[in-house]
Amino acid sequence: MKKAYLFLATGFEETEAVGTIDVLRRGGIDVVTVSITGETLVEGAHRITIEADTVLFEAAPFADADALILPGGGPGSRMLDSNATLKNLLDDYYSQGKLVAAICAAPLVFGGMGLLKGKRATCYPGIEPELTGAVITGEAATTDGNIITGKGPGLVFDFALAVLEYLCGKETALSVASDLLLN
């Protein structure tokens, strides 16, 4: 079974987090939610609190996953971007050719790390200047190598299905999309 870690920070976009988790779990992915706040309860941008499965520690073992995923939300994305442990983990995964994915404002984390130089990417409108070196597509979801970016909350299914397709293949993604009445 494929495994993904989805990181939660105070002010995360709830729709993007829960929608992504739902789609991936429907596709057979073991999704583990990780709080970067030091507490298991994490409040989203719209005051919906989610209980994370675990908390990020500096020496956290994440080698068993196939993907690391960042939901957006302005405040949450800034908090993700300020976490050195998370950024080291993302850099390690990216360097190993494993999937890193971010939606909405969260691709700014990749932009600041230099991961998007020469890569196609999308993000929430207005965040484009922070995707340093990226070729902005404006698409609902963009896959370029082992990076997937998504535009925003209303397009969470496009993003999550792109992640699912990357990890499990087109057939699985089409099946989940059909079950969700998306095609």
Protein backbone atom coordinates (compact mmCIF):
# COMPACT_ATOMS: atom_id res chain seq x y z
CA MET A 1 0.00 0.00 0.00
CA LYS A 2 1.25 3.48 -0.90
CA LYS A 3 1.63 5.99 1.93
CA ALA A 4 1.48 9.78 2.10
CA TYR A 5 2.03 12.31 4.86
CA LEU A 6 -0.12 15.46 4.81
CA PHE A 7 1.13 18.33 6.96
CA LEU A 8 -1.15 20.63 8.95
CA ALA A 9 -0.28 24.08 10.25
CA THR A 10 -2.50 26.60 12.02
CA GLY A 11 -4.56 28.36 9.35
CA PHE A 12 -4.52 25.49 6.82
CA GLU A 13 -7.29 25.42 4.19
CA GLU A 14 -9.69 22.78 5.49
CA THR A 15 -11.24 21.92 2.13
CA GLU A 16 -7.85 21.21 0.62
CA ALA A 17 -6.70 19.04 3.50
CA VAL A 18 -9.87 16.98 3.96
CA GLY A 19 -10.66 16.74 0.24
CA THR A 20 -7.17 15.46 -0.52
CA ILE A 21 -7.22 12.97 2.34
CA ASP A 22 -10.63 11.68 1.25
CA VAL A 23 -9.70 11.18 -2.42
CA LEU A 24 -6.40 9.49 -1.61
CA ARG A 25 -7.92 7.14 0.97
CA ARG A 26 -10.67 6.19 -1.52
CA GLY A 27 -7.84 5.26 -3.88
CA GLY A 28 -6.18 3.01 -1.31
CA ILE A 29 -3.47 5.39 -0.09
CA ASP A 30 -2.58 5.30 3.60
CA VAL A 31 -2.68 9.02 4.48
CA VAL A 32 -1.19 10.13 7.79
CA THR A 33 -1.84 13.67 8.97
CA VAL A 34 1.05 15.43 10.69
CA SER A 35 0.77 18.56 12.82
CA ILE A 36 3.73 20.93 12.68
CA THR A 37 2.38 22.97 15.62
CA GLY A 38 3.56 20.69 18.42
CA GLU A 39 -0.08 19.82 19.26
CA THR A 40 -2.31 17.17 17.70
CA LEU A 41 -5.29 19.55 17.41
CA VAL A 42 -4.80 22.02 14.56
CA GLU A 43 -7.21 24.85 13.76
CA GLY A 44 -7.81 25.64 10.12
CA ALA A 45 -8.35 29.00 8.43
CA HIS A 46 -12.10 28.80 8.98
CA ARG A 47 -11.96 27.66 12.61
CA ILE A 48 -12.48 23.97 11.86
CA THR A 49 -10.19 21.93 14.11
CA ILE A 50 -8.68 18.68 12.89
CA GLU A 51 -6.96 16.12 15.09
CA ALA A 52 -3.71 15.09 13.40
CA ASP A 53 -2.52 11.50 13.55
CA THR A 54 0.93 12.57 14.74
CA VAL A 55 3.14 15.57 15.47
CA LEU A 56 6.29 16.55 13.55
CA PHE A 57 9.46 16.12 15.56
CA GLU A 58 12.97 16.94 14.35
CA ALA A 59 13.94 13.28 14.12
CA ALA A 60 10.60 12.00 12.82
CA PRO A 61 10.91 8.88 10.66
CA PHE A 62 9.13 9.54 7.37
CA ALA A 63 11.18 7.25 5.11
CA ASP A 64 8.22 4.88 4.64
CA ALA A 65 6.12 7.30 2.59
CA ASP A 66 5.75 7.76 -1.14
CA ALA A 67 4.58 11.38 -0.95
CA LEU A 68 4.60 14.52 1.19
CA ILE A 69 1.60 16.83 0.76
CA LEU A 70 1.00 20.44 1.80
CA PRO A 71 -2.51 21.92 1.88
CA GLY A 72 -2.67 25.67 1.41
CA GLY A 73 -4.34 28.49 3.25
CA GLY A 74 -2.45 31.76 3.63
CA PRO A 75 -1.55 31.56 7.32
CA GLY A 76 -0.95 27.80 7.18
CA SER A 77 1.33 28.07 4.16
CA ARG A 78 3.44 30.73 5.86
CA MET A 79 3.76 28.52 8.93
CA LEU A 80 4.78 25.54 6.76
CA ASP A 81 7.34 27.75 5.04
CA SER A 82 8.90 28.75 8.36
CA ASN A 83 9.45 25.15 9.53
CA ALA A 84 13.06 24.09 8.85
CA THR A 85 12.44 20.45 9.77
CA LEU A 86 9.64 20.18 7.22
CA LYS A 87 11.70 21.93 4.53
CA ASN A 88 14.63 19.57 5.11
CA LEU A 89 12.26 16.63 4.79
CA LEU A 90 10.76 18.04 1.57
CA ASP A 91 14.23 18.63 0.12
CA ASP A 92 15.26 15.07 0.99
CA TYR A 93 12.14 13.58 -0.62
CA TYR A 94 12.49 15.73 -3.72
CA SER A 95 16.17 14.77 -4.08
CA GLN A 96 15.24 11.08 -3.84
CA GLY A 97 12.71 11.50 -6.66
CA LYS A 98 9.75 10.98 -4.33
CA LEU A 99 6.58 12.99 -4.81
CA VAL A 100 6.12 16.38 -3.14
CA ALA A 101 2.79 18.12 -3.66
CA ALA A 102 1.28 21.44 -2.59
CA ILE A 103 -1.93 23.31 -3.34
CA CYS A 104 -3.15 26.91 -3.17
CA ALA A 105 -0.61 29.13 -1.37
CA ALA A 106 1.54 26.19 -0.23
CA PRO A 107 3.61 25.98 -3.45
CA LEU A 108 5.37 29.10 -2.11
CA VAL A 109 7.27 26.69 0.15
CA PHE A 110 8.69 24.93 -2.93
CA GLY A 111 9.37 28.28 -4.61
CA GLY A 112 11.38 29.55 -1.66
CA MET A 113 13.38 26.32 -1.58
CA GLY A 114 14.28 26.63 -5.27
CA LEU A 115 12.49 23.39 -6.21
CA LEU A 116 10.41 25.08 -8.91
CA LYS A 117 13.22 26.58 -11.01
CA GLY A 118 12.39 25.71 -14.61
CA LYS A 119 9.39 23.62 -13.52
CA ARG A 120 5.77 24.07 -14.53
CA ALA A 121 3.58 24.96 -11.52
CA THR A 122 0.28 26.49 -10.49
CA CYS A 123 -0.95 28.22 -7.33
CA TYR A 124 -3.57 30.49 -5.83
CA PRO A 125 -3.79 33.78 -7.77
CA GLY A 126 -1.40 36.37 -6.33
CA ILE A 127 1.12 33.81 -5.04
CA GLU A 128 2.89 33.49 -8.42
CA PRO A 129 5.78 35.88 -7.54
CA GLU A 130 6.76 33.53 -4.69
CA LEU A 131 7.17 30.54 -7.01
CA THR A 132 10.74 31.54 -7.83
CA GLY A 133 11.80 30.36 -11.27
CA ALA A 134 8.57 28.51 -12.04
CA VAL A 135 6.74 28.50 -15.35
CA ILE A 136 3.23 29.39 -14.16
CA THR A 137 0.51 27.34 -15.89
CA GLY A 138 -2.69 28.61 -14.27
CA GLU A 139 -4.00 25.05 -14.50
CA ALA A 140 -6.19 23.41 -11.85
CA ALA A 141 -3.34 20.99 -11.15
CA THR A 142 0.11 20.71 -12.70
CA THR A 143 2.47 17.76 -12.60
CA ASP A 144 6.13 18.30 -13.51
CA GLY A 145 8.42 15.43 -12.63
CA ASN A 146 7.97 14.57 -8.97
CA ILE A 147 6.23 17.85 -8.09
CA ILE A 148 2.47 18.37 -8.20
CA THR A 149 0.92 21.78 -7.53
CA GLY A 150 -2.74 22.77 -7.32
CA LYS A 151 -4.50 26.09 -7.79
CA GLY A 152 -6.90 26.30 -4.85
CA PRO A 153 -9.79 25.03 -2.75
CA GLY A 154 -12.42 24.82 -5.49
CA LEU A 155 -10.05 22.64 -7.50
CA VAL A 156 -9.04 20.25 -4.74
CA PHE A 157 -10.41 17.23 -6.62
CA ASP A 158 -8.19 17.98 -9.63
CA PHE A 159 -5.19 18.24 -7.32
CA ALA A 160 -5.97 15.12 -5.28
CA LEU A 161 -6.73 13.06 -8.38
CA ALA A 162 -3.41 14.16 -9.93
CA VAL A 163 -1.63 12.95 -6.78
CA LEU A 164 -3.61 9.69 -6.86
CA GLU A 165 -2.81 9.15 -10.55
CA TYR A 166 0.88 9.76 -9.90
CA LEU A 167 0.94 7.22 -7.06
CA CYS A 168 -1.51 4.57 -8.29
CA GLY A 169 -2.06 5.09 -11.99
CA LYS A 170 -4.67 6.58 -14.26
CA GLU A 171 -7.14 3.71 -13.87
CA THR A 172 -7.36 4.14 -10.09
CA ALA A 173 -7.76 7.91 -10.42
CA LEU A 174 -10.52 7.50 -13.03
CA SER A 175 -12.32 4.96 -10.83
CA VAL A 176 -12.26 7.29 -7.80
CA ALA A 177 -13.35 10.23 -9.96
CA SER A 178 -16.26 8.16 -11.26
CA ASP A 179 -17.28 7.15 -7.71
CA LEU A 180 -17.28 10.86 -6.81
CA LEU A 181 -19.37 11.64 -9.91
CA LEU A 182 -16.59 13.82 -11.31
CA ASN A 183 -16.54 12.27 -14.78
